[in-house]
Amino acid sequence: MENALATERTLADAVAAADAQLAHAPVAGSIGGPEGGRFLLLSLASTDYAVAQSYVTEIERVPAMTRVPGTPAWLSGVTNLRGDILSVIDLRAFAGLDGRSPLMARMLVARLPDDDFLAGLIVDGVDRIVAIPHDAIRPPAAPLDGPLAAYVRGVCAVGERLVAVLDLDRLLRSPDVRQFDEPVDSSEKD
């Protein structure tokens, strides 16, 4: 599969090719199902991560953004993506990693399945889509530390690589990420 992806012209072509190859693989269920699911492999610094494909609606180049004063450094700003205003989170900065994202950085557009919440997540790179059986995801051998540790569901092997599986649902619902949401007035619910 890697050779097929290397010959593709754009990232979108590579993802489409990987998706077509996986369409014939015996993959069923969702992230929580016993069979497992499809995951997007990505990188931050020298660490490989996997996120459930069901949360990622698009993969884009990093767009121009408008910085918002008084926000944390990991909130790169906001951008307009075909009429949707997205908060853009630099996962490298959120994780407390030094340095800027490389030129090949990409933005994942992530959406919660039962919420209107939509965000852009800047990652260093996107590799491919893989099938990961649910029982292949294990707790890490040693306790994890750092800001992303609370959002790691477990680890698994993908080929020769050890991959940390991020729980995007927990990350996107976290108080850190949702701190700028408008509070819901309880009188409006009635």
N, C-alpha and C. Protein backbone atom coordinates (compact mmCIF):
# COMPACT_ATOMS: atom_id res chain seq x y z
N MET A 1 0.82 -1.18 0.00
CA MET A 1 0.00 0.00 0.00
C MET A 1 0.87 1.25 0.00
N GLU A 2 2.00 1.24 0.71
CA GLU A 2 2.86 2.41 0.80
C GLU A 2 3.37 2.81 -0.58
N ASN A 3 3.71 1.84 -1.44
CA ASN A 3 4.20 2.17 -2.78
C ASN A 3 3.12 2.83 -3.61
N ALA A 4 1.89 2.37 -3.45
CA ALA A 4 0.79 2.98 -4.19
C ALA A 4 0.58 4.42 -3.75
N LEU A 5 0.72 4.67 -2.44
CA LEU A 5 0.53 6.03 -1.95
C LEU A 5 1.66 6.94 -2.39
N ALA A 6 2.86 6.42 -2.51
CA ALA A 6 4.01 7.24 -2.89
C ALA A 6 3.88 7.77 -4.31
N THR A 7 3.13 7.08 -5.17
CA THR A 7 2.99 7.51 -6.55
C THR A 7 1.84 8.49 -6.75
N GLU A 8 1.04 8.73 -5.74
CA GLU A 8 -0.09 9.65 -5.87
C GLU A 8 0.42 11.08 -5.91
N ARG A 9 -0.29 11.95 -6.60
CA ARG A 9 0.17 13.32 -6.83
C ARG A 9 -0.14 14.26 -5.66
N THR A 10 -1.26 14.10 -5.01
CA THR A 10 -1.64 14.99 -3.91
C THR A 10 -2.03 14.16 -2.70
N LEU A 11 -2.12 14.84 -1.57
CA LEU A 11 -2.56 14.16 -0.36
C LEU A 11 -3.98 13.63 -0.52
N ALA A 12 -4.82 14.41 -1.16
CA ALA A 12 -6.20 13.97 -1.38
C ALA A 12 -6.22 12.70 -2.23
N ASP A 13 -5.36 12.63 -3.25
CA ASP A 13 -5.27 11.43 -4.08
C ASP A 13 -4.80 10.24 -3.25
N ALA A 14 -3.82 10.47 -2.37
CA ALA A 14 -3.29 9.39 -1.54
C ALA A 14 -4.35 8.87 -0.58
N VAL A 15 -5.11 9.79 0.02
CA VAL A 15 -6.17 9.37 0.93
C VAL A 15 -7.26 8.63 0.17
N ALA A 16 -7.61 9.10 -1.03
CA ALA A 16 -8.62 8.42 -1.84
C ALA A 16 -8.15 7.02 -2.23
N ALA A 17 -6.86 6.88 -2.58
CA ALA A 17 -6.32 5.57 -2.93
C ALA A 17 -6.34 4.63 -1.73
N ALA A 18 -5.96 5.13 -0.57
CA ALA A 18 -5.98 4.30 0.64
C ALA A 18 -7.40 3.91 0.98
N ASP A 19 -8.33 4.85 0.83
CA ASP A 19 -9.73 4.57 1.12
C ASP A 19 -10.26 3.49 0.18
N ALA A 20 -9.89 3.56 -1.09
CA ALA A 20 -10.34 2.55 -2.06
C ALA A 20 -9.77 1.18 -1.71
N GLN A 21 -8.52 1.14 -1.28
CA GLN A 21 -7.91 -0.14 -0.91
C GLN A 21 -8.57 -0.72 0.34
N LEU A 22 -8.92 0.15 1.28
CA LEU A 22 -9.55 -0.34 2.50
C LEU A 22 -11.02 -0.72 2.31
N ALA A 23 -11.62 -0.22 1.24
CA ALA A 23 -13.02 -0.55 0.99
C ALA A 23 -13.22 -2.04 0.81
N HIS A 24 -12.16 -2.73 0.39
CA HIS A 24 -12.26 -4.17 0.18
C HIS A 24 -11.76 -4.98 1.38
N ALA A 25 -11.27 -4.27 2.41
CA ALA A 25 -10.78 -4.97 3.61
C ALA A 25 -11.97 -5.31 4.52
N PRO A 26 -11.87 -6.38 5.30
CA PRO A 26 -12.97 -6.77 6.17
C PRO A 26 -13.00 -5.89 7.43
N VAL A 27 -13.45 -4.63 7.24
CA VAL A 27 -13.52 -3.69 8.36
C VAL A 27 -14.98 -3.38 8.61
N ALA A 28 -15.40 -3.51 9.86
CA ALA A 28 -16.77 -3.19 10.21
C ALA A 28 -16.76 -2.51 11.56
N GLY A 29 -17.89 -1.90 11.90
CA GLY A 29 -18.01 -1.32 13.22
C GLY A 29 -17.45 0.09 13.29
N SER A 30 -17.50 0.64 14.47
CA SER A 30 -17.00 1.99 14.70
C SER A 30 -15.88 1.91 15.71
N ILE A 31 -15.45 3.06 16.16
CA ILE A 31 -14.34 3.10 17.11
C ILE A 31 -14.65 2.29 18.35
N GLY A 32 -15.91 2.24 18.77
CA GLY A 32 -16.24 1.52 19.98
C GLY A 32 -16.70 0.09 19.74
N GLY A 33 -16.88 -0.29 18.48
CA GLY A 33 -17.38 -1.63 18.19
C GLY A 33 -16.31 -2.69 18.41
N PRO A 34 -16.73 -3.94 18.62
CA PRO A 34 -15.78 -5.00 18.88
C PRO A 34 -14.89 -5.31 17.69
N GLU A 35 -15.33 -4.99 16.47
CA GLU A 35 -14.56 -5.32 15.29
C GLU A 35 -13.43 -4.32 15.04
N GLY A 36 -13.56 -3.11 15.54
CA GLY A 36 -12.55 -2.08 15.31
C GLY A 36 -13.07 -1.05 14.36
N GLY A 37 -12.17 -0.41 13.65
CA GLY A 37 -12.59 0.64 12.74
C GLY A 37 -11.45 1.14 11.90
N ARG A 38 -11.74 2.20 11.18
CA ARG A 38 -10.76 2.81 10.29
C ARG A 38 -10.18 4.03 10.99
N PHE A 39 -8.88 4.15 10.92
CA PHE A 39 -8.17 5.22 11.60
C PHE A 39 -7.25 5.93 10.63
N LEU A 40 -7.11 7.22 10.84
CA LEU A 40 -6.20 8.05 10.07
C LEU A 40 -4.90 8.13 10.85
N LEU A 41 -3.79 7.76 10.21
CA LEU A 41 -2.48 7.86 10.86
C LEU A 41 -1.92 9.25 10.63
N LEU A 42 -1.43 9.85 11.69
CA LEU A 42 -0.85 11.19 11.60
C LEU A 42 0.38 11.27 12.48
N SER A 43 1.14 12.34 12.34
CA SER A 43 2.35 12.50 13.15
C SER A 43 2.39 13.88 13.77
N LEU A 44 2.99 13.90 14.96
CA LEU A 44 3.33 15.13 15.67
C LEU A 44 4.73 14.92 16.18
N ALA A 45 5.65 15.76 15.75
CA ALA A 45 7.07 15.59 16.09
C ALA A 45 7.48 14.18 15.67
N SER A 46 8.01 13.39 16.57
CA SER A 46 8.47 12.04 16.19
C SER A 46 7.50 10.96 16.66
N THR A 47 6.28 11.34 17.00
CA THR A 47 5.30 10.38 17.51
C THR A 47 4.20 10.15 16.48
N ASP A 48 3.83 8.89 16.31
CA ASP A 48 2.73 8.53 15.41
C ASP A 48 1.46 8.38 16.22
N TYR A 49 0.36 8.91 15.68
CA TYR A 49 -0.95 8.84 16.32
C TYR A 49 -1.95 8.30 15.32
N ALA A 50 -3.05 7.78 15.84
CA ALA A 50 -4.18 7.36 15.02
C ALA A 50 -5.43 8.02 15.60
N VAL A 51 -6.30 8.49 14.71
CA VAL A 51 -7.59 9.05 15.13
C VAL A 51 -8.67 8.37 14.30
N ALA A 52 -9.82 8.19 14.91
CA ALA A 52 -10.93 7.54 14.20
C ALA A 52 -11.31 8.37 12.98
N GLN A 53 -11.37 7.72 11.84
CA GLN A 53 -11.70 8.40 10.60
C GLN A 53 -13.10 9.02 10.67
N SER A 54 -13.99 8.44 11.44
CA SER A 54 -15.37 8.93 11.51
C SER A 54 -15.46 10.36 12.03
N TYR A 55 -14.44 10.84 12.73
CA TYR A 55 -14.44 12.21 13.24
C TYR A 55 -13.85 13.21 12.26
N VAL A 56 -13.12 12.74 11.27
CA VAL A 56 -12.42 13.63 10.34
C VAL A 56 -13.24 13.74 9.06
N THR A 57 -13.69 14.96 8.77
CA THR A 57 -14.51 15.16 7.58
C THR A 57 -13.69 15.59 6.36
N GLU A 58 -12.54 16.23 6.62
CA GLU A 58 -11.69 16.71 5.52
C GLU A 58 -10.25 16.77 5.98
N ILE A 59 -9.36 16.77 5.01
CA ILE A 59 -7.94 17.04 5.23
C ILE A 59 -7.58 18.17 4.29
N GLU A 60 -7.06 19.25 4.85
CA GLU A 60 -6.78 20.45 4.07
C GLU A 60 -5.34 20.90 4.30
N ARG A 61 -4.85 21.72 3.40
CA ARG A 61 -3.61 22.46 3.68
C ARG A 61 -3.93 23.43 4.80
N VAL A 62 -2.91 23.85 5.53
CA VAL A 62 -3.13 24.80 6.61
C VAL A 62 -3.53 26.13 5.98
N PRO A 63 -4.73 26.63 6.31
CA PRO A 63 -5.22 27.86 5.69
C PRO A 63 -4.69 29.12 6.37
N ALA A 64 -4.96 30.24 5.75
CA ALA A 64 -4.70 31.53 6.39
C ALA A 64 -5.68 31.66 7.56
N MET A 65 -5.18 32.20 8.65
CA MET A 65 -6.02 32.31 9.85
C MET A 65 -5.97 33.73 10.41
N THR A 66 -6.99 34.06 11.16
CA THR A 66 -7.03 35.32 11.89
C THR A 66 -6.79 35.00 13.35
N ARG A 67 -5.73 35.56 13.91
CA ARG A 67 -5.39 35.35 15.32
C ARG A 67 -6.44 36.02 16.19
N VAL A 68 -6.79 35.39 17.30
CA VAL A 68 -7.77 35.93 18.24
C VAL A 68 -7.02 36.34 19.50
N PRO A 69 -7.05 37.64 19.84
CA PRO A 69 -6.32 38.10 21.03
C PRO A 69 -6.84 37.44 22.31
N GLY A 70 -5.93 37.23 23.25
CA GLY A 70 -6.31 36.70 24.56
C GLY A 70 -6.59 35.21 24.58
N THR A 71 -6.17 34.50 23.56
CA THR A 71 -6.39 33.04 23.53
C THR A 71 -5.05 32.33 23.76
N PRO A 72 -5.10 31.07 24.15
CA PRO A 72 -3.85 30.32 24.36
C PRO A 72 -3.05 30.20 23.07
N ALA A 73 -1.74 29.99 23.20
CA ALA A 73 -0.86 29.88 22.04
C ALA A 73 -1.25 28.72 21.13
N TRP A 74 -1.84 27.67 21.69
CA TRP A 74 -2.21 26.52 20.87
C TRP A 74 -3.42 26.78 19.98
N LEU A 75 -4.15 27.85 20.25
CA LEU A 75 -5.26 28.22 19.37
C LEU A 75 -4.69 29.15 18.31
N SER A 76 -4.42 28.59 17.14
CA SER A 76 -3.75 29.35 16.07
C SER A 76 -4.59 30.50 15.57
N GLY A 77 -5.90 30.37 15.67
CA GLY A 77 -6.79 31.42 15.20
C GLY A 77 -8.07 30.81 14.67
N VAL A 78 -8.76 31.59 13.86
CA VAL A 78 -9.99 31.12 13.22
C VAL A 78 -9.83 31.27 11.72
N THR A 79 -10.57 30.46 10.99
CA THR A 79 -10.54 30.53 9.53
C THR A 79 -11.94 30.25 9.00
N ASN A 80 -12.18 30.69 7.79
CA ASN A 80 -13.45 30.46 7.12
C ASN A 80 -13.23 29.34 6.10
N LEU A 81 -13.91 28.23 6.31
CA LEU A 81 -13.81 27.10 5.39
C LEU A 81 -15.17 26.88 4.75
N ARG A 82 -15.34 27.41 3.55
CA ARG A 82 -16.60 27.31 2.80
C ARG A 82 -17.82 27.71 3.64
N GLY A 83 -17.68 28.82 4.34
CA GLY A 83 -18.80 29.36 5.11
C GLY A 83 -18.84 28.94 6.57
N ASP A 84 -18.08 27.93 6.95
CA ASP A 84 -18.00 27.53 8.36
C ASP A 84 -16.80 28.22 8.99
N ILE A 85 -17.03 28.88 10.13
CA ILE A 85 -15.93 29.50 10.87
C ILE A 85 -15.38 28.45 11.82
N LEU A 86 -14.10 28.12 11.65
CA LEU A 86 -13.46 27.09 12.45
C LEU A 86 -12.44 27.69 13.40
N SER A 87 -12.43 27.21 14.63
CA SER A 87 -11.30 27.45 15.52
C SER A 87 -10.24 26.46 15.08
N VAL A 88 -8.98 26.91 14.98
CA VAL A 88 -7.91 26.04 14.51
C VAL A 88 -6.93 25.82 15.66
N ILE A 89 -6.78 24.55 16.04
CA ILE A 89 -5.92 24.15 17.15
C ILE A 89 -4.65 23.55 16.60
N ASP A 90 -3.52 24.08 17.02
CA ASP A 90 -2.22 23.51 16.65
C ASP A 90 -1.92 22.42 17.67
N LEU A 91 -2.09 21.15 17.29
CA LEU A 91 -1.88 20.05 18.23
C LEU A 91 -0.45 19.99 18.74
N ARG A 92 0.50 20.44 17.94
CA ARG A 92 1.90 20.47 18.38
C ARG A 92 2.02 21.41 19.59
N ALA A 93 1.45 22.61 19.49
CA ALA A 93 1.50 23.56 20.59
C ALA A 93 0.65 23.08 21.77
N PHE A 94 -0.52 22.49 21.49
CA PHE A 94 -1.39 21.96 22.55
C PHE A 94 -0.65 20.90 23.36
N ALA A 95 0.17 20.10 22.69
CA ALA A 95 0.93 19.04 23.36
C ALA A 95 2.18 19.57 24.04
N GLY A 96 2.46 20.87 23.91
CA GLY A 96 3.63 21.44 24.55
C GLY A 96 4.93 21.14 23.83
N LEU A 97 4.85 20.81 22.55
CA LEU A 97 6.05 20.50 21.77
C LEU A 97 6.68 21.77 21.24
N ASP A 98 8.00 21.79 21.20
CA ASP A 98 8.73 22.95 20.68
C ASP A 98 8.70 22.97 19.17
N GLY A 99 8.91 24.14 18.64
CA GLY A 99 9.05 24.28 17.19
C GLY A 99 7.73 24.49 16.50
N ARG A 100 7.86 24.88 15.25
CA ARG A 100 6.68 25.10 14.41
C ARG A 100 6.38 23.85 13.61
N SER A 101 5.15 23.73 13.19
CA SER A 101 4.78 22.61 12.33
C SER A 101 5.52 22.73 11.00
N PRO A 102 5.90 21.61 10.42
CA PRO A 102 6.65 21.65 9.16
C PRO A 102 5.81 22.16 7.99
N LEU A 103 6.48 22.42 6.87
CA LEU A 103 5.78 22.92 5.69
C LEU A 103 4.70 21.96 5.19
N MET A 104 4.88 20.67 5.43
CA MET A 104 3.90 19.68 4.98
C MET A 104 2.77 19.48 5.99
N ALA A 105 2.66 20.36 6.97
CA ALA A 105 1.59 20.26 7.97
C ALA A 105 0.23 20.27 7.27
N ARG A 106 -0.71 19.62 7.89
CA ARG A 106 -2.07 19.56 7.36
C ARG A 106 -3.06 19.90 8.45
N MET A 107 -4.25 20.32 8.02
CA MET A 107 -5.32 20.59 8.96
C MET A 107 -6.40 19.53 8.78
N LEU A 108 -6.70 18.83 9.86
CA LEU A 108 -7.82 17.91 9.86
C LEU A 108 -9.06 18.69 10.28
N VAL A 109 -10.13 18.57 9.56
CA VAL A 109 -11.39 19.18 9.96
C VAL A 109 -12.14 18.10 10.72
N ALA A 110 -12.32 18.32 12.02
CA ALA A 110 -12.93 17.31 12.88
C ALA A 110 -14.30 17.78 13.36
N ARG A 111 -15.24 16.86 13.36
CA ARG A 111 -16.62 17.17 13.77
C ARG A 111 -17.08 16.11 14.76
N LEU A 112 -17.74 16.59 15.82
CA LEU A 112 -18.36 15.65 16.76
C LEU A 112 -19.63 15.11 16.13
N PRO A 113 -19.90 13.82 16.24
CA PRO A 113 -21.05 13.23 15.54
C PRO A 113 -22.41 13.72 16.04
N ASP A 114 -22.52 14.11 17.30
CA ASP A 114 -23.82 14.48 17.86
C ASP A 114 -23.87 15.94 18.30
N ASP A 115 -23.03 16.77 17.69
CA ASP A 115 -22.88 18.16 18.12
C ASP A 115 -22.54 18.98 16.88
N ASP A 116 -22.83 20.26 16.92
CA ASP A 116 -22.48 21.14 15.80
C ASP A 116 -21.03 21.59 15.87
N PHE A 117 -20.29 21.11 16.87
CA PHE A 117 -18.92 21.55 17.06
C PHE A 117 -18.03 21.06 15.93
N LEU A 118 -17.28 21.98 15.37
CA LEU A 118 -16.38 21.72 14.25
C LEU A 118 -15.09 22.46 14.56
N ALA A 119 -13.94 21.81 14.36
CA ALA A 119 -12.65 22.45 14.63
C ALA A 119 -11.62 21.98 13.63
N GLY A 120 -10.61 22.80 13.43
CA GLY A 120 -9.47 22.41 12.62
C GLY A 120 -8.34 22.00 13.55
N LEU A 121 -7.66 20.91 13.24
CA LEU A 121 -6.55 20.41 14.04
C LEU A 121 -5.31 20.36 13.16
N ILE A 122 -4.31 21.17 13.48
CA ILE A 122 -3.08 21.17 12.69
C ILE A 122 -2.17 20.06 13.21
N VAL A 123 -1.73 19.21 12.29
CA VAL A 123 -0.81 18.11 12.60
C VAL A 123 0.40 18.24 11.67
N ASP A 124 1.50 17.60 12.05
CA ASP A 124 2.71 17.69 11.24
C ASP A 124 2.57 16.99 9.90
N GLY A 125 1.85 15.90 9.87
CA GLY A 125 1.68 15.16 8.63
C GLY A 125 0.60 14.11 8.75
N VAL A 126 0.07 13.69 7.61
CA VAL A 126 -0.94 12.64 7.54
C VAL A 126 -0.37 11.55 6.66
N ASP A 127 -0.45 10.31 7.13
CA ASP A 127 0.15 9.20 6.41
C ASP A 127 -0.89 8.48 5.55
N ARG A 128 -1.79 7.76 6.20
CA ARG A 128 -2.76 6.96 5.45
C ARG A 128 -3.88 6.52 6.38
N ILE A 129 -4.86 5.82 5.81
CA ILE A 129 -5.97 5.25 6.58
C ILE A 129 -5.69 3.77 6.76
N VAL A 130 -5.87 3.29 7.98
CA VAL A 130 -5.63 1.88 8.28
C VAL A 130 -6.81 1.31 9.06
N ALA A 131 -6.95 -0.01 8.98
CA ALA A 131 -7.93 -0.72 9.80
C ALA A 131 -7.21 -1.19 11.06
N ILE A 132 -7.80 -0.89 12.21
CA ILE A 132 -7.23 -1.33 13.48
C ILE A 132 -8.31 -2.10 14.23
N PRO A 133 -8.11 -3.39 14.46
CA PRO A 133 -9.08 -4.15 15.24
C PRO A 133 -9.15 -3.60 16.67
N HIS A 134 -10.35 -3.60 17.22
CA HIS A 134 -10.57 -3.07 18.57
C HIS A 134 -9.66 -3.73 19.60
N ASP A 135 -9.49 -5.05 19.49
CA ASP A 135 -8.69 -5.76 20.49
C ASP A 135 -7.18 -5.55 20.31
N ALA A 136 -6.77 -4.85 19.24
CA ALA A 136 -5.35 -4.55 19.04
C ALA A 136 -4.92 -3.30 19.83
N ILE A 137 -5.90 -2.53 20.28
CA ILE A 137 -5.61 -1.31 21.05
C ILE A 137 -5.48 -1.70 22.51
N ARG A 138 -4.29 -1.51 23.05
CA ARG A 138 -3.96 -1.92 24.42
C ARG A 138 -3.59 -0.69 25.26
N PRO A 139 -3.72 -0.81 26.58
CA PRO A 139 -3.22 0.28 27.43
C PRO A 139 -1.71 0.41 27.25
N PRO A 140 -1.17 1.62 27.39
CA PRO A 140 0.29 1.78 27.27
C PRO A 140 1.02 1.00 28.36
N ALA A 141 2.22 0.52 28.05
CA ALA A 141 3.01 -0.26 29.00
C ALA A 141 3.44 0.57 30.19
N ALA A 142 3.64 1.86 29.99
CA ALA A 142 4.04 2.76 31.07
C ALA A 142 3.09 3.96 31.07
N PRO A 143 2.92 4.60 32.22
CA PRO A 143 2.05 5.78 32.26
C PRO A 143 2.57 6.86 31.30
N LEU A 144 1.63 7.52 30.64
CA LEU A 144 1.98 8.59 29.73
C LEU A 144 1.92 9.92 30.47
N ASP A 145 2.71 10.88 30.00
CA ASP A 145 2.62 12.21 30.57
C ASP A 145 2.52 13.22 29.45
N GLY A 146 2.21 14.43 29.81
CA GLY A 146 2.04 15.50 28.83
C GLY A 146 0.58 15.80 28.59
N PRO A 147 0.30 16.93 27.95
CA PRO A 147 -1.07 17.37 27.73
C PRO A 147 -1.95 16.42 26.91
N LEU A 148 -1.35 15.63 26.02
CA LEU A 148 -2.17 14.71 25.21
C LEU A 148 -2.42 13.38 25.91
N ALA A 149 -1.73 13.10 27.01
CA ALA A 149 -1.86 11.81 27.69
C ALA A 149 -3.30 11.52 28.11
N ALA A 150 -4.03 12.52 28.53
CA ALA A 150 -5.42 12.32 28.96
C ALA A 150 -6.33 11.91 27.81
N TYR A 151 -5.88 12.11 26.58
CA TYR A 151 -6.71 11.83 25.41
C TYR A 151 -6.25 10.60 24.64
N VAL A 152 -5.31 9.86 25.17
CA VAL A 152 -4.83 8.64 24.52
C VAL A 152 -5.65 7.45 25.02
N ARG A 153 -6.35 6.78 24.10
CA ARG A 153 -7.16 5.59 24.43
C ARG A 153 -6.28 4.38 24.68
N GLY A 154 -5.16 4.33 24.00
CA GLY A 154 -4.27 3.19 24.09
C GLY A 154 -3.24 3.25 22.99
N VAL A 155 -2.51 2.17 22.84
CA VAL A 155 -1.49 2.08 21.80
C VAL A 155 -1.69 0.79 21.02
N CYS A 156 -1.16 0.77 19.82
CA CYS A 156 -1.24 -0.43 18.99
C CYS A 156 -0.09 -0.41 18.00
N ALA A 157 0.17 -1.56 17.44
CA ALA A 157 1.20 -1.68 16.41
C ALA A 157 0.55 -1.58 15.04
N VAL A 158 1.13 -0.75 14.19
CA VAL A 158 0.72 -0.66 12.79
C VAL A 158 1.99 -0.93 12.00
N GLY A 159 2.09 -2.13 11.49
CA GLY A 159 3.33 -2.55 10.86
C GLY A 159 4.42 -2.61 11.91
N GLU A 160 5.51 -1.92 11.68
CA GLU A 160 6.63 -1.88 12.62
C GLU A 160 6.52 -0.73 13.61
N ARG A 161 5.52 0.12 13.45
CA ARG A 161 5.42 1.32 14.26
C ARG A 161 4.46 1.14 15.44
N LEU A 162 4.81 1.75 16.57
CA LEU A 162 3.92 1.83 17.71
C LEU A 162 3.15 3.14 17.60
N VAL A 163 1.83 3.06 17.64
CA VAL A 163 0.97 4.20 17.39
C VAL A 163 0.10 4.45 18.62
N ALA A 164 0.01 5.71 19.04
CA ALA A 164 -0.88 6.11 20.12
C ALA A 164 -2.24 6.46 19.50
N VAL A 165 -3.31 5.88 20.05
CA VAL A 165 -4.65 6.11 19.53
C VAL A 165 -5.29 7.24 20.33
N LEU A 166 -5.55 8.37 19.66
CA LEU A 166 -6.16 9.52 20.32
C LEU A 166 -7.68 9.40 20.32
N ASP A 167 -8.29 9.78 21.41
CA ASP A 167 -9.74 9.82 21.53
C ASP A 167 -10.18 11.24 21.19
N LEU A 168 -10.53 11.47 19.93
CA LEU A 168 -10.93 12.81 19.49
C LEU A 168 -12.20 13.28 20.17
N ASP A 169 -13.09 12.37 20.50
CA ASP A 169 -14.32 12.75 21.18
C ASP A 169 -13.98 13.42 22.51
N ARG A 170 -13.14 12.79 23.29
CA ARG A 170 -12.75 13.33 24.59
C ARG A 170 -11.98 14.64 24.42
N LEU A 171 -11.08 14.70 23.44
CA LEU A 171 -10.31 15.92 23.20
C LEU A 171 -11.21 17.08 22.81
N LEU A 172 -12.11 16.86 21.85
CA LEU A 172 -12.97 17.95 21.37
C LEU A 172 -14.03 18.38 22.38
N ARG A 173 -14.33 17.53 23.35
CA ARG A 173 -15.29 17.89 24.40
C ARG A 173 -14.59 18.39 25.68
N SER A 174 -13.28 18.42 25.68
CA SER A 174 -12.53 18.79 26.88
C SER A 174 -12.77 20.26 27.25
N PRO A 175 -12.67 20.57 28.54
CA PRO A 175 -12.83 21.96 28.97
C PRO A 175 -11.80 22.90 28.33
N ASP A 176 -10.60 22.42 28.06
CA ASP A 176 -9.60 23.27 27.40
C ASP A 176 -10.07 23.70 26.02
N VAL A 177 -10.49 22.74 25.23
CA VAL A 177 -10.90 23.03 23.85
C VAL A 177 -12.22 23.80 23.83
N ARG A 178 -13.14 23.49 24.73
CA ARG A 178 -14.47 24.10 24.71
C ARG A 178 -14.57 25.35 25.59
N GLN A 179 -13.45 25.87 26.09
CA GLN A 179 -13.49 27.01 27.00
C GLN A 179 -14.07 28.27 26.38
N PHE A 180 -14.14 28.34 25.07
CA PHE A 180 -14.63 29.55 24.42
C PHE A 180 -16.08 29.41 23.94
N ASP A 181 -16.71 28.28 24.25
CA ASP A 181 -18.12 28.10 23.88
C ASP A 181 -18.98 29.11 24.63
N GLU A 182 -20.04 29.52 23.97
CA GLU A 182 -21.01 30.40 24.62
C GLU A 182 -21.73 29.61 25.70
N PRO A 183 -21.85 30.14 26.92
CA PRO A 183 -22.61 29.42 27.93
C PRO A 183 -24.08 29.35 27.53
N VAL A 184 -24.71 28.23 27.82
CA VAL A 184 -26.12 28.04 27.51
C VAL A 184 -26.94 28.58 28.66
N ASP A 185 -27.84 29.53 28.35
CA ASP A 185 -28.71 30.09 29.35
C ASP A 185 -29.82 29.10 29.64
N SER A 186 -29.95 28.69 30.90
CA SER A 186 -30.94 27.66 31.26
C SER A 186 -32.36 28.13 30.99
N SER A 187 -32.62 29.45 30.96
CA SER A 187 -33.98 29.93 30.68
C SER A 187 -34.33 29.74 29.21
N GLU A 188 -33.30 29.64 28.32
CA GLU A 188 -33.56 29.43 26.90
C GLU A 188 -33.98 28.01 26.59
N LYS A 189 -33.66 27.06 27.48
CA LYS A 189 -34.00 25.66 27.24
C LYS A 189 -35.51 25.43 27.37
N ASP A 190 -36.15 26.22 28.18
CA ASP A 190 -37.59 25.99 28.44
C ASP A 190 -38.46 26.53 27.37
